Amino acid sequence: MSEELLEIANKRLIRAHFLVASRNAGVRPEALDAAFKLADLSGVAIDDAGRVWGVDDAIEALRTESDFVFAPVEPVKPRSIGGPAGP
């Protein structure tokens, strides 16, 4: 396989991995492409086994720099359990 084809395949693998991981991390669906463009992926690498490393760190850095691409986290409302019973 030529180096050019390998580089194209690696970029696609990184993008796919980033999109899945960022969606799981709370990036709004309509902001996935923007998040990919804004993220610093210079620390992302692929090992010889094809595993992608460094995407989670890139997403956490994105969270501190561009948190507007993430869905707001709604606080959990406490529920009362075992309240008064009866008519």
N, C-alpha and C. Protein backbone atom coordinates (compact mmCIF):
# COMPACT_ATOMS: atom_id res chain seq x y z
N MET A 1 0.85 -1.18 0.00
CA MET A 1 0.00 0.00 0.00
C MET A 1 0.89 1.23 0.00
N SER A 2 0.57 2.20 -0.81
CA SER A 2 1.40 3.40 -0.88
C SER A 2 1.21 4.25 0.37
N GLU A 3 2.17 5.08 0.62
CA GLU A 3 2.11 5.96 1.80
C GLU A 3 0.92 6.91 1.72
N GLU A 4 0.61 7.36 0.52
CA GLU A 4 -0.51 8.28 0.34
C GLU A 4 -1.83 7.62 0.71
N LEU A 5 -2.03 6.40 0.27
CA LEU A 5 -3.27 5.68 0.60
C LEU A 5 -3.34 5.37 2.10
N LEU A 6 -2.21 5.04 2.68
CA LEU A 6 -2.18 4.77 4.11
C LEU A 6 -2.53 6.02 4.90
N GLU A 7 -2.03 7.16 4.48
CA GLU A 7 -2.33 8.41 5.17
C GLU A 7 -3.83 8.75 5.05
N ILE A 8 -4.41 8.55 3.89
CA ILE A 8 -5.84 8.80 3.70
C ILE A 8 -6.66 7.88 4.60
N ALA A 9 -6.29 6.62 4.66
CA ALA A 9 -7.01 5.65 5.50
C ALA A 9 -6.88 6.03 6.98
N ASN A 10 -5.70 6.44 7.39
CA ASN A 10 -5.49 6.84 8.78
C ASN A 10 -6.32 8.06 9.15
N LYS A 11 -6.40 9.04 8.24
CA LYS A 11 -7.20 10.23 8.51
C LYS A 11 -8.67 9.87 8.65
N ARG A 12 -9.13 8.96 7.82
CA ARG A 12 -10.54 8.53 7.91
C ARG A 12 -10.80 7.78 9.21
N LEU A 13 -9.86 6.96 9.62
CA LEU A 13 -9.99 6.22 10.87
C LEU A 13 -10.02 7.17 12.06
N ILE A 14 -9.15 8.16 12.05
CA ILE A 14 -9.12 9.14 13.14
C ILE A 14 -10.42 9.92 13.18
N ARG A 15 -10.90 10.35 12.02
CA ARG A 15 -12.16 11.11 11.98
C ARG A 15 -13.32 10.27 12.52
N ALA A 16 -13.41 9.03 12.08
CA ALA A 16 -14.49 8.17 12.55
C ALA A 16 -14.42 7.96 14.06
N HIS A 17 -13.23 7.69 14.54
CA HIS A 17 -13.05 7.48 15.98
C HIS A 17 -13.40 8.76 16.74
N PHE A 18 -12.96 9.89 16.24
CA PHE A 18 -13.24 11.17 16.89
C PHE A 18 -14.74 11.44 16.94
N LEU A 19 -15.44 11.23 15.84
CA LEU A 19 -16.88 11.52 15.80
C LEU A 19 -17.66 10.65 16.78
N VAL A 20 -17.31 9.38 16.86
CA VAL A 20 -18.00 8.50 17.82
C VAL A 20 -17.67 8.91 19.26
N ALA A 21 -16.40 9.12 19.54
CA ALA A 21 -15.99 9.45 20.91
C ALA A 21 -16.54 10.81 21.33
N SER A 22 -16.56 11.78 20.43
CA SER A 22 -17.05 13.10 20.80
C SER A 22 -18.56 13.09 21.02
N ARG A 23 -19.28 12.31 20.23
CA ARG A 23 -20.73 12.18 20.45
C ARG A 23 -20.99 11.54 21.81
N ASN A 24 -20.22 10.52 22.15
CA ASN A 24 -20.36 9.88 23.46
C ASN A 24 -19.97 10.81 24.60
N ALA A 25 -19.11 11.79 24.31
CA ALA A 25 -18.66 12.73 25.33
C ALA A 25 -19.60 13.92 25.49
N GLY A 26 -20.66 13.97 24.65
CA GLY A 26 -21.66 15.01 24.82
C GLY A 26 -21.63 16.13 23.80
N VAL A 27 -20.88 15.97 22.72
CA VAL A 27 -20.92 16.98 21.66
C VAL A 27 -22.30 16.92 21.00
N ARG A 28 -22.88 18.10 20.78
CA ARG A 28 -24.19 18.17 20.15
C ARG A 28 -24.10 17.57 18.74
N PRO A 29 -25.08 16.80 18.32
CA PRO A 29 -25.03 16.16 17.00
C PRO A 29 -24.80 17.14 15.85
N GLU A 30 -25.41 18.31 15.93
CA GLU A 30 -25.25 19.28 14.85
C GLU A 30 -23.90 19.98 14.88
N ALA A 31 -23.11 19.76 15.93
CA ALA A 31 -21.81 20.41 16.06
C ALA A 31 -20.64 19.44 15.87
N LEU A 32 -20.91 18.21 15.45
CA LEU A 32 -19.84 17.22 15.32
C LEU A 32 -18.77 17.65 14.31
N ASP A 33 -19.19 18.15 13.15
CA ASP A 33 -18.21 18.58 12.15
C ASP A 33 -17.40 19.77 12.66
N ALA A 34 -18.05 20.71 13.32
CA ALA A 34 -17.35 21.86 13.88
C ALA A 34 -16.35 21.41 14.94
N ALA A 35 -16.76 20.47 15.77
CA ALA A 35 -15.87 19.97 16.81
C ALA A 35 -14.63 19.33 16.20
N PHE A 36 -14.83 18.59 15.13
CA PHE A 36 -13.69 17.94 14.46
C PHE A 36 -12.73 18.99 13.91
N LYS A 37 -13.27 20.05 13.33
CA LYS A 37 -12.42 21.10 12.77
C LYS A 37 -11.71 21.91 13.86
N LEU A 38 -12.35 22.07 15.01
CA LEU A 38 -11.77 22.86 16.09
C LEU A 38 -10.76 22.08 16.93
N ALA A 39 -10.88 20.78 16.97
CA ALA A 39 -10.03 19.96 17.84
C ALA A 39 -8.58 19.95 17.37
N ASP A 40 -7.69 19.97 18.34
CA ASP A 40 -6.26 19.83 18.05
C ASP A 40 -5.94 18.33 18.06
N LEU A 41 -5.77 17.78 16.88
CA LEU A 41 -5.54 16.34 16.75
C LEU A 41 -4.06 16.01 16.57
N SER A 42 -3.20 16.96 16.89
CA SER A 42 -1.76 16.74 16.69
C SER A 42 -1.21 15.64 17.60
N GLY A 43 -1.88 15.38 18.72
CA GLY A 43 -1.44 14.34 19.63
C GLY A 43 -2.07 12.98 19.38
N VAL A 44 -2.90 12.89 18.36
CA VAL A 44 -3.59 11.64 18.04
C VAL A 44 -2.68 10.77 17.17
N ALA A 45 -2.62 9.49 17.51
CA ALA A 45 -1.76 8.56 16.77
C ALA A 45 -2.47 7.23 16.58
N ILE A 46 -2.00 6.49 15.60
CA ILE A 46 -2.51 5.14 15.34
C ILE A 46 -1.33 4.18 15.46
N ASP A 47 -1.52 3.13 16.28
CA ASP A 47 -0.43 2.18 16.44
C ASP A 47 -0.47 1.13 15.33
N ASP A 48 0.48 0.22 15.36
CA ASP A 48 0.59 -0.80 14.31
C ASP A 48 -0.61 -1.74 14.26
N ALA A 49 -1.34 -1.84 15.38
CA ALA A 49 -2.52 -2.71 15.42
C ALA A 49 -3.78 -1.97 14.95
N GLY A 50 -3.64 -0.69 14.60
CA GLY A 50 -4.78 0.08 14.13
C GLY A 50 -5.59 0.74 15.22
N ARG A 51 -5.09 0.75 16.45
CA ARG A 51 -5.78 1.41 17.56
C ARG A 51 -5.46 2.90 17.53
N VAL A 52 -6.48 3.71 17.79
CA VAL A 52 -6.33 5.16 17.79
C VAL A 52 -6.12 5.62 19.23
N TRP A 53 -5.09 6.43 19.44
CA TRP A 53 -4.73 6.93 20.77
C TRP A 53 -4.77 8.45 20.78
N GLY A 54 -5.23 9.03 21.86
CA GLY A 54 -5.17 10.47 22.04
C GLY A 54 -6.43 11.23 21.73
N VAL A 55 -7.45 10.56 21.22
CA VAL A 55 -8.70 11.25 20.88
C VAL A 55 -9.39 11.77 22.14
N ASP A 56 -9.41 10.98 23.19
CA ASP A 56 -10.08 11.42 24.43
C ASP A 56 -9.42 12.68 24.98
N ASP A 57 -8.10 12.75 24.92
CA ASP A 57 -7.40 13.95 25.38
C ASP A 57 -7.75 15.15 24.52
N ALA A 58 -7.86 14.95 23.22
CA ALA A 58 -8.22 16.04 22.31
C ALA A 58 -9.64 16.54 22.60
N ILE A 59 -10.54 15.63 22.94
CA ILE A 59 -11.92 16.01 23.24
C ILE A 59 -11.98 16.79 24.55
N GLU A 60 -11.23 16.36 25.55
CA GLU A 60 -11.21 17.08 26.82
C GLU A 60 -10.61 18.47 26.66
N ALA A 61 -9.58 18.60 25.83
CA ALA A 61 -9.01 19.92 25.55
C ALA A 61 -10.05 20.79 24.84
N LEU A 62 -10.79 20.21 23.93
CA LEU A 62 -11.84 20.92 23.22
C LEU A 62 -12.91 21.39 24.19
N ARG A 63 -13.21 20.59 25.18
CA ARG A 63 -14.23 20.95 26.18
C ARG A 63 -13.82 22.22 26.92
N THR A 64 -12.55 22.39 27.21
CA THR A 64 -12.11 23.58 27.93
C THR A 64 -11.98 24.79 27.02
N GLU A 65 -11.71 24.57 25.74
CA GLU A 65 -11.49 25.67 24.81
C GLU A 65 -12.76 26.08 24.07
N SER A 66 -13.60 25.15 23.73
CA SER A 66 -14.78 25.41 22.90
C SER A 66 -15.99 24.65 23.42
N ASP A 67 -16.37 24.96 24.64
CA ASP A 67 -17.44 24.19 25.28
C ASP A 67 -18.80 24.39 24.63
N PHE A 68 -18.93 25.37 23.72
CA PHE A 68 -20.21 25.63 23.08
C PHE A 68 -20.64 24.49 22.15
N VAL A 69 -19.72 23.61 21.76
CA VAL A 69 -20.10 22.49 20.90
C VAL A 69 -20.69 21.33 21.71
N PHE A 70 -20.60 21.43 23.02
CA PHE A 70 -21.12 20.37 23.89
C PHE A 70 -22.54 20.71 24.34
N ALA A 71 -23.36 19.70 24.47
CA ALA A 71 -24.72 19.88 24.98
C ALA A 71 -24.64 20.27 26.45
N PRO A 72 -25.52 21.17 26.87
CA PRO A 72 -25.51 21.54 28.29
C PRO A 72 -25.89 20.34 29.15
N VAL A 73 -25.24 20.25 30.26
CA VAL A 73 -25.53 19.16 31.20
C VAL A 73 -26.58 19.65 32.17
N GLU A 74 -27.69 18.96 32.18
CA GLU A 74 -28.77 19.35 33.07
C GLU A 74 -28.56 18.69 34.43
N PRO A 75 -28.67 19.49 35.50
CA PRO A 75 -28.49 18.89 36.83
C PRO A 75 -29.59 17.88 37.12
N VAL A 76 -29.22 16.85 37.81
CA VAL A 76 -30.18 15.81 38.18
C VAL A 76 -31.03 16.33 39.33
N LYS A 77 -32.34 16.24 39.16
CA LYS A 77 -33.25 16.69 40.21
C LYS A 77 -33.46 15.55 41.20
N PRO A 78 -33.27 15.83 42.48
CA PRO A 78 -33.48 14.77 43.45
C PRO A 78 -34.94 14.38 43.55
N ARG A 79 -35.17 13.09 43.71
CA ARG A 79 -36.53 12.57 43.87
C ARG A 79 -36.71 12.13 45.29
N SER A 80 -37.87 12.41 45.84
CA SER A 80 -38.12 11.94 47.21
C SER A 80 -38.65 10.52 47.15
N ILE A 81 -38.17 9.74 48.05
CA ILE A 81 -38.56 8.34 48.12
C ILE A 81 -39.17 8.11 49.50
N GLY A 82 -40.31 7.48 49.53
CA GLY A 82 -40.93 7.14 50.82
C GLY A 82 -41.59 8.31 51.49
N GLY A 83 -42.20 9.18 50.70
CA GLY A 83 -42.90 10.32 51.27
C GLY A 83 -44.16 9.88 52.00
N PRO A 84 -44.90 10.85 52.50
CA PRO A 84 -46.13 10.51 53.23
C PRO A 84 -47.12 9.79 52.33
N ALA A 85 -47.77 8.80 52.90
CA ALA A 85 -48.76 8.02 52.15
C ALA A 85 -50.12 8.26 52.74
N GLY A 86 -51.09 7.97 51.96
CA GLY A 86 -52.45 8.09 52.50
C GLY A 86 -53.28 9.04 51.68
N PRO A 87 -54.55 9.20 52.11
CA PRO A 87 -55.48 10.03 51.35
C PRO A 87 -55.25 11.47 51.45
